[in-house]
Amino acid sequence: MKHMKKLFAVMLTLAMVMSMAVSVSAATKVFTKQSPATKDALVDGHTYKAYKILTSNTVVEGKLVDATWAEGVKDAAKTALLKGADSIDAMIEALGSDNDSDAALEFAEIAYANKGNLGDGIEVTSGDTKLGIGYFLIVDESVETAVPVVNRAYLYYNADTDAVITITPKAEAPSSEKKIKDINDSEDENFTNWQDSADHDVGDQIPFKLTATLPSDYTDYKTYSLTFHDQEGGGLKFVDGSVKVYLDENTEEIASNNYTVTQNPTDGDTFDVAFTNKNLQDIGVKNGSVIRVEYLSELTAENVVYGQAGNPNTSWITYTNNQNSEQGGENGETPKDTVIAFTYKTVINKTDKNGAPLGDADFTLYKEVKDGTTTGAQIKEGFNDDIKAKAAALEDEKYYIEIGGDKKTTSKKNETDEKNSVFTFAGLDDGNYVVVETAVPSGYNGAEALAFPITATHTKNNIAIDPTTGYIDGTETFVLTALESSDNFETVVATGTLSANVMNKKGSELPETGGIGTTIFYTVGAILVAGAGIVLVTRRRMAA
């Protein structure tokens, strides 16, 4: 009997302790929809402020009575928060007292947008600050504004004068990033490291990378899911089946049954890559893990943009998380990140010696390419001696490919006028090129092959740009600021165009550029002069 009494006493004590814990929790309740109740300490280095919105001296059945706007709340904020309600009482009725409701979320977002009209706010120390009766906006002032509002601010309703607020830090949001690779195949055999902008030929399959960095408190969540969203601009075409997924620094690809790729989903994206809560658990995601999605997109001639605007590719992630429930959670979205693929075009104008358009010509464009798989430099017919010498000296490291040949799908396009004198080679990367006149107008001398480089400069741009130019949401990106070539060419950055005039002279006219024609005449002339000198000297000696 004694043992039974002792057991009963222990159980009674436990029940009393549990009831006290429930009571304390109710007295200090804050909006913790994305934060675990165990995190009741401030985050080091973060500053929290409380902005009082509504105040009252009376609470009846949990509701404020005779509430008024708090001191410091300006008219702009009042109008926004009322949302058309004819009184504060009507607004409170719609808002209620549940900090976890959808109405509370919406109210907090409006209040945060009007934070500058809510007064100075007071700094809050967790477990030590009494705010009094009213509605408050609690803000983590240290979180970047790019982070969704739900991760940096929340509504706090207090009906207990003596309640001490316990700040529960907002859960960390994941972050996302997008990168692209570049290559100058006149100089390099391998792609660059990941970067924010690149030049490419039409026909190139361009490597892209999306990354999602999970928060350092990921394991505190009972459920978590995320989706990569990718939107491609004109000229870019997603390569079906090219998606590969990696976790952290691992080089082993994650099996495709651990995520879902959806092309052309109903949300208007080019494709999405989605991970369910189970997917994340199965691949072994941990606090701070980084998920990498790599894929290819082809730069196509269809809808391609030349020059400054470039061909943008934008990504972001959405995520659903809940630390206190297994039934879903908060929907968040990371800021969008845009990378740019640039491409250019070369225009050759065939003219006579007076600069007038000259028809019935044709040109072939070659690109100098470094490729260790070749057996030697290919010296093309039509190259003049200096270009042939250069090609021969490449020591099996570089060779020339014909634009439109089997090495590239870039095609020569004849955008001709009535005289068939304008030739456009569109969709070119940076690098070294040679243009050769492969059909010469009847009665004219052919022009020598012309070697020229294409060099481009991309500069970081933080200015919001009209979306019609291809930039999305004015996000930080790179813009083409310089396009350079040899002295023969004029360049236009806006359209990515390099243009040059190639002149032909009639067959009876001597070339002016020091080609083989002048060399022959100079040689013959020198021989005749030398011969005349010898004859003159010989005659004088004989006369003596």
Protein backbone atom coordinates (compact mmCIF):
# COMPACT_ATOMS: atom_id res chain seq x y z
CA MET A 1 0.00 0.00 0.00
CA LYS A 2 2.94 2.28 0.85
CA HIS A 3 4.43 1.75 -2.63
CA MET A 4 1.10 2.58 -4.31
CA LYS A 5 0.85 5.86 -2.36
CA LYS A 6 4.41 6.83 -3.36
CA LEU A 7 3.70 6.05 -7.05
CA PHE A 8 0.50 8.11 -6.94
CA ALA A 9 2.39 11.05 -5.40
CA VAL A 10 5.04 10.94 -8.16
CA MET A 11 2.41 10.86 -10.91
CA LEU A 12 0.55 13.77 -9.32
CA THR A 13 3.77 15.79 -9.18
CA LEU A 14 4.50 15.10 -12.86
CA ALA A 15 1.00 16.16 -13.84
CA MET A 16 1.38 19.43 -11.96
CA VAL A 17 4.73 20.13 -13.65
CA MET A 18 3.24 19.46 -17.11
CA SER A 19 0.30 21.76 -16.43
CA MET A 20 2.70 24.50 -15.35
CA ALA A 21 4.70 24.04 -18.55
CA VAL A 22 1.55 24.41 -20.65
CA SER A 23 0.60 27.55 -18.76
CA VAL A 24 4.03 29.14 -19.26
CA SER A 25 3.98 28.29 -22.95
CA ALA A 26 0.61 29.96 -23.41
CA ALA A 27 1.75 33.07 -21.58
CA THR A 28 4.79 33.58 -23.83
CA LYS A 29 3.37 32.41 -27.16
CA VAL A 30 4.88 34.04 -30.24
CA PHE A 31 4.47 33.33 -33.91
CA THR A 32 6.71 30.30 -34.48
CA LYS A 33 5.31 28.92 -37.69
CA GLN A 34 8.79 28.41 -39.11
CA SER A 35 10.74 28.14 -35.87
CA PRO A 36 11.11 25.26 -33.41
CA ALA A 37 9.97 25.93 -29.84
CA THR A 38 13.34 24.72 -28.55
CA LYS A 39 15.10 27.74 -30.11
CA ASP A 40 14.32 30.32 -27.45
CA ALA A 41 17.61 32.21 -27.56
CA LEU A 42 18.63 35.08 -29.79
CA VAL A 43 20.92 34.42 -32.74
CA ASP A 44 24.38 35.89 -32.16
CA GLY A 45 24.91 39.14 -34.01
CA HIS A 46 21.21 39.66 -34.76
CA THR A 47 19.17 42.63 -33.64
CA TYR A 48 15.42 42.28 -32.98
CA LYS A 49 12.96 45.15 -32.82
CA ALA A 50 9.29 45.38 -31.89
CA TYR A 51 7.11 47.92 -33.71
CA LYS A 52 3.86 48.60 -31.85
CA ILE A 53 0.89 48.93 -34.20
CA LEU A 54 -2.26 48.82 -32.01
CA THR A 55 -2.61 49.51 -28.31
CA SER A 56 -5.34 49.30 -25.68
CA ASN A 57 -5.86 49.27 -21.92
CA THR A 58 -8.65 46.70 -22.00
CA VAL A 59 -8.92 43.07 -23.06
CA VAL A 60 -12.25 41.24 -23.07
CA GLU A 61 -12.31 37.52 -23.85
CA GLY A 62 -8.91 37.78 -25.46
CA LYS A 63 -9.77 40.74 -27.70
CA LEU A 64 -8.63 44.33 -27.52
CA VAL A 65 -11.37 46.76 -26.62
CA ASP A 66 -11.26 50.46 -27.52
CA ALA A 67 -8.00 49.91 -29.40
CA THR A 68 -6.19 52.82 -30.99
CA TRP A 69 -3.22 53.24 -33.28
CA ALA A 70 0.06 53.21 -31.40
CA GLU A 71 2.11 56.37 -31.19
CA GLY A 72 4.36 56.73 -34.22
CA VAL A 73 2.10 54.91 -36.72
CA LYS A 74 1.66 57.20 -39.72
CA ASP A 75 -1.37 57.62 -41.96
CA ALA A 76 0.21 55.69 -44.87
CA ALA A 77 0.57 52.60 -42.68
CA LYS A 78 -2.94 53.01 -41.24
CA THR A 79 -4.51 53.06 -44.70
CA ALA A 80 -2.56 50.01 -45.87
CA LEU A 81 -3.31 47.95 -42.76
CA LEU A 82 -7.03 48.76 -42.69
CA LYS A 83 -7.35 47.39 -46.25
CA GLY A 84 -10.67 49.12 -46.72
CA ALA A 85 -12.10 48.29 -43.27
CA ASP A 86 -14.14 51.19 -41.88
CA SER A 87 -12.73 50.97 -38.36
CA ILE A 88 -10.00 49.51 -36.17
CA ASP A 89 -12.58 47.24 -34.50
CA ALA A 90 -13.53 45.75 -37.88
CA MET A 91 -9.85 45.21 -38.68
CA ILE A 92 -9.27 43.46 -35.33
CA GLU A 93 -12.33 41.28 -35.89
CA ALA A 94 -10.92 40.12 -39.21
CA LEU A 95 -7.42 39.72 -37.80
CA GLY A 96 -8.28 37.83 -34.65
CA SER A 97 -5.75 36.84 -32.02
CA ASP A 98 -4.07 33.85 -33.69
CA ASN A 99 -0.50 34.79 -34.61
CA ASP A 100 -0.35 31.66 -36.75
CA SER A 101 -3.28 32.44 -39.06
CA ASP A 102 -3.17 33.40 -42.74
CA ALA A 103 -4.63 36.77 -41.76
CA ALA A 104 -1.70 37.29 -39.37
CA LEU A 105 0.77 36.42 -42.13
CA GLU A 106 -0.82 38.89 -44.53
CA PHE A 107 -1.02 41.59 -41.86
CA ALA A 108 2.68 41.08 -41.02
CA GLU A 109 3.70 41.42 -44.67
CA ILE A 110 1.75 44.68 -45.05
CA ALA A 111 3.18 45.98 -41.78
CA TYR A 112 6.70 45.08 -42.85
CA ALA A 113 6.24 46.86 -46.18
CA ASN A 114 5.27 49.93 -44.15
CA LYS A 115 7.90 49.51 -41.44
CA GLY A 116 9.18 53.02 -42.11
CA ASN A 117 5.77 54.36 -41.10
CA LEU A 118 5.56 52.50 -37.77
CA GLY A 119 7.88 54.65 -35.69
CA ASP A 120 11.36 53.75 -34.45
CA GLY A 121 10.51 50.48 -32.72
CA ILE A 122 12.17 49.22 -29.56
CA GLU A 123 15.00 46.71 -29.31
CA VAL A 124 13.85 43.41 -27.85
CA THR A 125 15.87 41.19 -25.53
CA SER A 126 14.55 37.66 -25.38
CA GLY A 127 13.17 36.69 -21.97
CA ASP A 128 13.59 40.19 -20.61
CA THR A 129 11.23 42.53 -22.49
CA LYS A 130 7.62 43.32 -21.60
CA LEU A 131 5.80 44.87 -24.52
CA GLY A 132 2.40 45.43 -22.95
CA ILE A 133 -0.99 44.87 -24.54
CA GLY A 134 -1.38 45.22 -28.30
CA TYR A 135 -0.34 44.06 -31.76
CA PHE A 136 3.36 44.21 -32.60
CA LEU A 137 5.56 43.55 -35.61
CA ILE A 138 8.68 41.65 -34.53
CA VAL A 139 11.53 42.08 -37.00
CA ASP A 140 14.97 40.49 -37.27
CA GLU A 141 16.78 43.61 -38.47
CA SER A 142 19.91 41.62 -39.41
CA VAL A 143 18.34 39.49 -42.15
CA GLU A 144 18.85 40.57 -45.77
CA THR A 145 15.81 42.12 -47.38
CA ALA A 146 16.05 39.62 -50.26
CA VAL A 147 14.91 36.92 -47.83
CA PRO A 148 11.11 36.38 -47.83
CA VAL A 149 9.27 38.41 -45.19
CA VAL A 150 8.13 35.26 -43.41
CA ASN A 151 11.79 34.58 -42.56
CA ARG A 152 12.52 38.00 -41.08
CA ALA A 153 9.31 39.30 -39.49
CA TYR A 154 6.14 38.10 -37.78
CA LEU A 155 3.05 39.43 -36.01
CA TYR A 156 2.90 39.19 -32.22
CA TYR A 157 -0.40 39.68 -30.37
CA ASN A 158 -0.19 40.09 -26.60
CA ALA A 159 -3.15 40.29 -24.23
CA ASP A 160 -1.20 39.93 -20.99
CA THR A 161 0.38 43.05 -19.49
CA ASP A 162 2.89 41.05 -17.47
CA ALA A 163 3.91 38.58 -20.21
CA VAL A 164 7.62 38.58 -21.03
CA ILE A 165 8.22 38.05 -24.75
CA THR A 166 10.43 35.16 -25.82
CA ILE A 167 11.97 35.79 -29.23
CA THR A 168 12.10 32.67 -31.35
CA PRO A 169 14.56 33.29 -34.21
CA LYS A 170 13.07 32.95 -37.64
CA ALA A 171 14.18 29.83 -39.46
CA GLU A 172 16.92 30.24 -42.01
CA ALA A 173 15.87 30.36 -45.62
CA PRO A 174 17.71 28.33 -48.27
CA SER A 175 19.70 30.20 -50.89
CA SER A 176 20.08 29.58 -54.61
CA GLU A 177 22.53 30.50 -57.35
CA LYS A 178 22.94 30.06 -61.10
CA LYS A 179 26.18 29.86 -63.11
CA ILE A 180 27.31 29.30 -66.70
CA LYS A 181 30.58 28.10 -68.31
CA ASP A 182 32.51 29.76 -71.11
CA ILE A 183 35.16 28.70 -73.63
CA ASN A 184 37.30 30.52 -76.19
CA ASP A 185 38.03 27.55 -78.41
CA SER A 186 40.67 29.47 -80.33
CA GLU A 187 42.76 29.44 -77.16
CA ASP A 188 41.41 26.69 -74.90
CA GLU A 189 40.30 23.08 -75.07
CA ASN A 190 38.37 23.13 -71.77
CA PHE A 191 35.56 25.20 -70.37
CA THR A 192 36.22 27.86 -67.75
CA ASN A 193 35.09 27.62 -64.15
CA TRP A 194 31.51 28.56 -63.33
CA GLN A 195 30.78 32.24 -63.90
CA ASP A 196 27.96 34.75 -64.53
CA SER A 197 28.30 35.39 -68.27
CA ALA A 198 29.79 33.74 -71.34
CA ASP A 199 30.23 33.96 -75.14
CA HIS A 200 29.17 31.07 -77.34
CA ASP A 201 28.70 30.03 -80.95
CA VAL A 202 25.25 29.15 -82.18
CA GLY A 203 25.16 25.38 -81.97
CA ASP A 204 27.16 25.16 -78.74
CA GLN A 205 25.70 23.06 -75.93
CA ILE A 206 26.30 25.32 -72.95
CA PRO A 207 26.84 23.96 -69.42
CA PHE A 208 24.67 25.54 -66.70
CA LYS A 209 24.61 24.93 -62.95
CA LEU A 210 21.90 25.58 -60.36
CA THR A 211 22.67 25.30 -56.66
CA ALA A 212 20.50 25.27 -53.56
CA THR A 213 22.13 25.65 -50.15
CA LEU A 214 19.93 24.31 -47.38
CA PRO A 215 19.74 26.15 -44.04
CA SER A 216 21.98 25.21 -41.15
CA ASP A 217 18.90 24.17 -39.16
CA TYR A 218 17.48 21.86 -41.84
CA THR A 219 17.37 18.86 -39.50
CA ASP A 220 15.02 20.75 -37.15
CA TYR A 221 12.27 20.45 -39.74
CA LYS A 222 9.80 17.61 -39.72
CA THR A 223 9.13 18.11 -43.42
CA TYR A 224 11.00 19.92 -46.18
CA SER A 225 10.76 20.02 -49.96
CA LEU A 226 12.18 22.25 -52.65
CA THR A 227 11.92 22.83 -56.40
CA PHE A 228 14.41 24.36 -58.84
CA HIS A 229 12.77 26.63 -61.41
CA ASP A 230 14.53 27.46 -64.68
CA GLN A 231 13.43 29.93 -67.36
CA GLU A 232 15.42 30.25 -70.59
CA GLY A 233 15.44 33.29 -72.82
CA GLY A 234 15.32 33.39 -76.60
CA GLY A 235 18.01 31.41 -78.38
CA LEU A 236 18.39 28.82 -75.61
CA LYS A 237 16.94 25.33 -75.89
CA PHE A 238 17.06 22.88 -72.99
CA VAL A 239 18.80 19.63 -73.94
CA ASP A 240 16.44 16.81 -73.04
CA GLY A 241 17.97 14.25 -70.69
CA SER A 242 20.98 16.39 -69.76
CA VAL A 243 20.07 16.97 -66.09
CA LYS A 244 22.55 15.60 -63.55
CA VAL A 245 22.24 16.09 -59.79
CA TYR A 246 25.00 16.02 -57.16
CA LEU A 247 25.09 16.49 -53.39
CA ASP A 248 27.75 18.60 -51.68
CA GLU A 249 31.23 17.92 -53.08
CA ASN A 250 30.38 14.42 -54.29
CA THR A 251 31.24 13.65 -57.91
CA GLU A 252 28.95 10.62 -58.04
CA GLU A 253 25.66 11.47 -59.71
CA ILE A 254 22.44 11.07 -57.69
CA ALA A 255 20.07 8.49 -59.17
CA SER A 256 17.23 10.05 -61.18
CA ASN A 257 14.54 8.31 -59.10
CA ASN A 258 15.41 10.70 -56.26
CA TYR A 259 14.01 13.76 -58.04
CA THR A 260 11.51 14.68 -60.74
CA VAL A 261 12.28 16.67 -63.89
CA THR A 262 9.26 18.33 -65.52
CA GLN A 263 9.70 20.07 -68.87
CA ASN A 264 7.39 22.96 -69.79
CA PRO A 265 5.39 22.79 -66.55
CA THR A 266 2.19 24.75 -66.10
CA ASP A 267 4.01 27.49 -64.16
CA GLY A 268 5.58 28.78 -67.39
CA ASP A 269 9.12 27.59 -66.66
CA THR A 270 11.33 25.82 -69.18
CA PHE A 271 11.78 22.99 -66.72
CA ASP A 272 11.56 22.26 -62.97
CA VAL A 273 13.54 19.84 -60.81
CA ALA A 274 11.58 18.88 -57.70
CA PHE A 275 12.67 17.13 -54.47
CA THR A 276 10.10 15.78 -52.02
CA ASN A 277 10.78 15.43 -48.30
CA LYS A 278 11.47 11.72 -48.85
CA ASN A 279 13.83 12.49 -51.75
CA LEU A 280 15.90 14.78 -49.56
CA GLN A 281 16.05 12.19 -46.80
CA ASP A 282 16.96 9.40 -49.19
CA ILE A 283 19.92 11.27 -50.73
CA GLY A 284 21.29 12.11 -47.27
CA VAL A 285 20.80 15.87 -47.08
CA LYS A 286 22.21 17.43 -43.89
CA ASN A 287 22.35 20.89 -42.34
CA GLY A 288 23.89 23.28 -44.86
CA SER A 289 24.00 20.70 -47.67
CA VAL A 290 24.38 21.98 -51.22
CA ILE A 291 22.36 20.39 -54.04
CA ARG A 292 23.83 20.95 -57.52
CA VAL A 293 21.80 20.60 -60.69
CA GLU A 294 23.87 20.63 -63.88
CA TYR A 295 22.43 20.56 -67.39
CA LEU A 296 22.99 21.67 -71.00
CA SER A 297 21.17 24.17 -73.17
CA GLU A 298 21.89 24.69 -76.85
CA LEU A 299 22.31 28.17 -78.27
CA THR A 300 20.09 28.03 -81.35
CA ALA A 301 19.59 30.38 -84.29
CA GLU A 302 15.88 30.58 -83.50
CA ASN A 303 15.05 33.75 -81.53
CA VAL A 304 18.72 34.27 -80.66
CA VAL A 305 19.65 37.75 -79.41
CA TYR A 306 22.93 39.27 -80.60
CA GLY A 307 24.96 41.80 -78.68
CA GLN A 308 24.25 43.68 -75.50
CA ALA A 309 20.96 42.19 -74.34
CA GLY A 310 22.25 38.64 -74.76
CA ASN A 311 20.35 35.44 -74.08
CA PRO A 312 19.34 35.33 -70.40
CA ASN A 313 18.75 32.24 -68.32
CA THR A 314 17.11 32.71 -64.91
CA SER A 315 16.55 30.39 -61.98
CA TRP A 316 15.31 30.36 -58.40
CA ILE A 317 13.98 27.82 -55.93
CA THR A 318 10.73 27.53 -54.03
CA TYR A 319 10.58 25.57 -50.81
CA THR A 320 8.00 24.23 -48.39
CA ASN A 321 9.04 23.64 -44.82
CA ASN A 322 7.54 23.11 -41.38
CA GLN A 323 9.42 22.49 -38.18
CA ASN A 324 6.35 21.75 -36.09
CA SER A 325 4.19 19.64 -38.36
CA GLU A 326 4.38 16.86 -40.91
CA GLN A 327 1.47 18.27 -42.91
CA GLY A 328 3.21 20.86 -45.03
CA GLY A 329 4.45 24.29 -44.12
CA GLU A 330 5.51 27.71 -45.25
CA ASN A 331 5.96 28.44 -48.94
CA GLY A 332 9.08 30.50 -49.63
CA GLU A 333 10.94 31.66 -52.71
CA THR A 334 14.57 32.69 -53.15
CA PRO A 335 15.59 35.76 -55.19
CA LYS A 336 16.00 35.13 -58.91
CA ASP A 337 19.49 34.82 -60.37
CA THR A 338 20.22 35.47 -64.07
CA VAL A 339 23.21 34.55 -66.24
CA ILE A 340 23.77 35.69 -69.83
CA ALA A 341 25.01 33.93 -72.96
CA PHE A 342 26.29 36.41 -75.56
CA THR A 343 26.87 35.83 -79.26
CA TYR A 344 27.92 38.03 -82.19
CA LYS A 345 27.79 38.35 -85.97
CA THR A 346 30.26 39.43 -88.65
CA VAL A 347 29.13 41.33 -91.75
CA ILE A 348 31.31 41.45 -94.89
CA ASN A 349 30.47 44.13 -97.46
CA LYS A 350 31.87 43.45 -100.95
CA THR A 351 32.73 46.72 -102.74
CA ASP A 352 34.66 48.01 -105.72
CA LYS A 353 37.48 50.57 -105.39
CA ASN A 354 34.94 53.40 -105.13
CA GLY A 355 33.06 51.77 -102.25
CA ALA A 356 30.06 50.80 -104.36
CA PRO A 357 28.41 47.39 -103.68
CA LEU A 358 29.84 44.63 -105.85
CA GLY A 359 27.86 41.48 -106.56
CA ASP A 360 28.61 37.91 -107.65
CA ALA A 361 31.14 37.26 -104.87
CA ASP A 362 31.13 34.67 -102.09
CA PHE A 363 33.01 34.25 -98.82
CA THR A 364 33.86 31.43 -96.44
CA LEU A 365 34.55 32.05 -92.77
CA TYR A 366 37.02 29.92 -90.84
CA LYS A 367 37.67 29.81 -87.13
CA GLU A 368 41.00 29.01 -85.52
CA VAL A 369 40.38 26.27 -82.97
CA LYS A 370 42.64 24.62 -80.43
CA ASP A 371 41.88 20.91 -80.39
CA GLY A 372 44.33 18.23 -79.32
CA THR A 373 42.44 15.53 -81.21
CA THR A 374 43.51 16.84 -84.62
CA THR A 375 46.48 15.43 -86.52
CA GLY A 376 47.78 18.79 -87.64
CA ALA A 377 46.98 22.26 -88.82
CA GLN A 378 44.64 22.37 -91.77
CA ILE A 379 45.79 24.96 -94.30
CA LYS A 380 42.81 25.98 -96.38
CA GLU A 381 42.89 26.89 -100.03
CA GLY A 382 42.52 30.62 -100.39
CA PHE A 383 44.60 31.57 -97.35
CA ASN A 384 47.33 34.03 -98.20
CA ASP A 385 50.98 33.34 -97.32
CA ASP A 386 51.08 34.99 -93.89
CA ILE A 387 48.01 33.03 -92.71
CA LYS A 388 49.41 29.80 -94.17
CA ALA A 389 52.66 30.42 -92.30
CA LYS A 390 50.75 31.00 -89.10
CA ALA A 391 48.76 27.81 -89.57
CA ALA A 392 51.90 25.80 -90.31
CA ALA A 393 53.53 27.08 -87.11
CA LEU A 394 50.71 25.93 -84.87
CA GLU A 395 52.49 22.64 -84.14
CA ASP A 396 49.40 20.46 -84.16
CA GLU A 397 47.69 22.56 -81.47
CA LYS A 398 45.25 24.51 -83.60
CA TYR A 399 43.52 24.20 -86.88
CA TYR A 400 40.90 26.01 -88.91
CA ILE A 401 37.29 24.93 -89.10
CA GLU A 402 34.78 26.18 -91.60
CA ILE A 403 31.83 27.92 -90.02
CA GLY A 404 28.93 25.79 -91.14
CA GLY A 405 31.13 22.69 -91.44
CA ASP A 406 30.86 19.46 -89.49
CA LYS A 407 32.64 20.83 -86.43
CA LYS A 408 30.04 23.48 -85.67
CA THR A 409 26.38 23.86 -86.49
CA THR A 410 26.77 27.61 -86.86
CA SER A 411 25.66 28.45 -90.39
CA LYS A 412 26.58 31.17 -92.80
CA LYS A 413 23.56 33.28 -93.63
CA ASN A 414 23.47 35.43 -96.76
CA GLU A 415 21.44 38.47 -95.81
CA THR A 416 21.84 39.93 -99.28
CA ASP A 417 20.84 43.15 -100.92
CA GLU A 418 19.87 43.38 -104.58
CA LYS A 419 23.50 43.12 -105.70
CA ASN A 420 24.26 40.11 -103.48
CA SER A 421 27.09 42.09 -101.87
CA VAL A 422 26.41 41.73 -98.12
CA PHE A 423 27.37 38.53 -96.30
CA THR A 424 26.50 37.89 -92.65
CA PHE A 425 28.02 35.16 -90.48
CA ALA A 426 25.77 35.02 -87.43
CA GLY A 427 26.12 33.38 -84.03
CA LEU A 428 29.86 33.69 -83.37
CA ASP A 429 31.83 33.24 -80.16
CA ASP A 430 34.90 35.25 -79.22
CA GLY A 431 38.07 33.89 -80.83
CA ASN A 432 40.22 34.19 -83.96
CA TYR A 433 38.76 34.07 -87.47
CA VAL A 434 39.79 34.21 -91.14
CA VAL A 435 37.43 35.25 -93.94
CA VAL A 436 38.31 34.09 -97.47
CA GLU A 437 36.82 35.26 -100.74
CA THR A 438 35.94 31.98 -102.41
CA ALA A 439 34.11 33.40 -105.44
CA VAL A 440 35.48 36.49 -107.19
CA PRO A 441 33.34 38.76 -109.40
CA SER A 442 34.15 38.38 -113.09
CA GLY A 443 36.85 40.77 -114.26
CA TYR A 444 38.14 41.54 -110.74
CA ASN A 445 41.14 40.49 -108.68
CA GLY A 446 40.36 38.46 -105.56
CA ALA A 447 41.02 40.01 -102.14
CA GLU A 448 43.53 38.48 -99.76
CA ALA A 449 42.26 36.44 -96.83
CA LEU A 450 41.54 38.63 -93.81
CA ALA A 451 42.39 37.46 -90.30
CA PHE A 452 40.64 39.12 -87.35
CA PRO A 453 39.87 38.49 -83.67
CA ILE A 454 36.61 38.93 -81.77
CA THR A 455 37.09 40.13 -78.19
CA ALA A 456 34.27 41.01 -75.81
CA THR A 457 34.04 42.56 -72.35
CA HIS A 458 31.23 41.80 -69.89
CA THR A 459 30.64 44.12 -66.93
CA LYS A 460 28.52 43.58 -63.83
CA ASN A 461 25.30 45.53 -63.99
CA ASN A 462 23.11 46.38 -60.99
CA ILE A 463 20.65 48.67 -62.74
CA ALA A 464 17.05 47.59 -63.23
CA ILE A 465 16.52 47.15 -66.98
CA ASP A 466 13.30 47.06 -68.93
CA PRO A 467 12.19 43.39 -69.15
CA THR A 468 11.83 43.72 -72.95
CA THR A 469 15.64 43.66 -73.16
CA GLY A 470 15.68 40.16 -71.74
CA TYR A 471 16.65 40.90 -68.14
CA ILE A 472 14.30 39.54 -65.51
CA ASP A 473 13.28 41.62 -62.50
CA GLY A 474 16.29 43.88 -62.91
CA THR A 475 18.44 41.41 -60.98
CA GLU A 476 22.19 41.79 -60.83
CA THR A 477 23.69 40.37 -63.98
CA PHE A 478 26.36 41.06 -66.58
CA VAL A 479 26.05 43.22 -69.67
CA LEU A 480 28.19 43.46 -72.81
CA THR A 481 30.12 46.74 -72.62
CA ALA A 482 32.83 46.38 -75.30
CA LEU A 483 33.28 44.51 -78.59
CA GLU A 484 36.65 44.73 -80.33
CA SER A 485 38.39 43.40 -83.44
CA SER A 486 41.14 44.52 -85.84
CA ASP A 487 41.36 47.96 -87.45
CA ASN A 488 39.55 46.66 -90.52
CA PHE A 489 36.30 46.27 -88.57
CA GLU A 490 33.70 48.59 -87.13
CA THR A 491 31.85 47.24 -84.09
CA VAL A 492 28.42 47.94 -82.62
CA VAL A 493 28.02 46.71 -79.05
CA ALA A 494 24.23 47.01 -78.97
CA THR A 495 23.72 44.55 -81.82
CA GLY A 496 26.94 42.57 -81.38
CA THR A 497 27.96 43.31 -84.96
CA LEU A 498 31.44 43.52 -86.50
CA SER A 499 31.50 44.78 -90.10
CA ALA A 500 34.25 45.28 -92.69
CA ASN A 501 34.48 46.29 -96.34
CA VAL A 502 36.41 43.95 -98.63
CA MET A 503 37.40 45.68 -101.88
CA ASN A 504 38.04 44.16 -105.31
CA LYS A 505 39.85 45.90 -108.15
CA LYS A 506 39.52 45.14 -111.81
CA GLY A 507 41.95 42.61 -113.27
CA SER A 508 43.90 45.28 -115.16
CA GLU A 509 44.53 47.33 -112.01
CA LEU A 510 47.48 46.68 -109.75
CA PRO A 511 46.69 45.55 -106.19
CA GLU A 512 47.49 48.12 -103.50
CA THR A 513 47.96 45.76 -100.58
CA GLY A 514 51.40 44.41 -101.44
CA GLY A 515 50.24 41.00 -102.59
CA ILE A 516 51.94 38.63 -105.03
CA GLY A 517 51.19 40.97 -107.99
CA THR A 518 53.39 43.79 -106.71
CA THR A 519 56.06 41.33 -105.59
CA ILE A 520 56.45 40.04 -109.16
CA PHE A 521 56.80 43.55 -110.59
CA TYR A 522 59.29 44.60 -107.92
CA THR A 523 61.38 41.49 -108.55
CA VAL A 524 61.40 41.85 -112.34
CA GLY A 525 62.21 45.56 -112.00
CA ALA A 526 65.13 44.86 -109.69
CA ILE A 527 66.53 42.27 -112.11
CA LEU A 528 66.29 44.69 -115.06
CA VAL A 529 68.00 47.49 -113.11
CA ALA A 530 70.79 45.16 -112.00
CA GLY A 531 71.23 43.87 -115.57
CA ALA A 532 71.43 47.39 -116.95
CA GLY A 533 74.12 48.23 -114.42
CA ILE A 534 76.20 45.22 -115.35
CA VAL A 535 76.00 46.07 -119.06
CA LEU A 536 77.02 49.67 -118.39
CA VAL A 537 80.05 48.68 -116.32
CA THR A 538 81.14 46.11 -118.91
CA ARG A 539 80.97 48.64 -121.80
CA ARG A 540 83.06 51.20 -119.89
CA ARG A 541 85.77 48.64 -119.16
CA MET A 542 85.86 47.57 -122.81
CA ALA A 543 86.08 51.21 -123.91
CA ALA A 544 89.04 51.72 -121.58
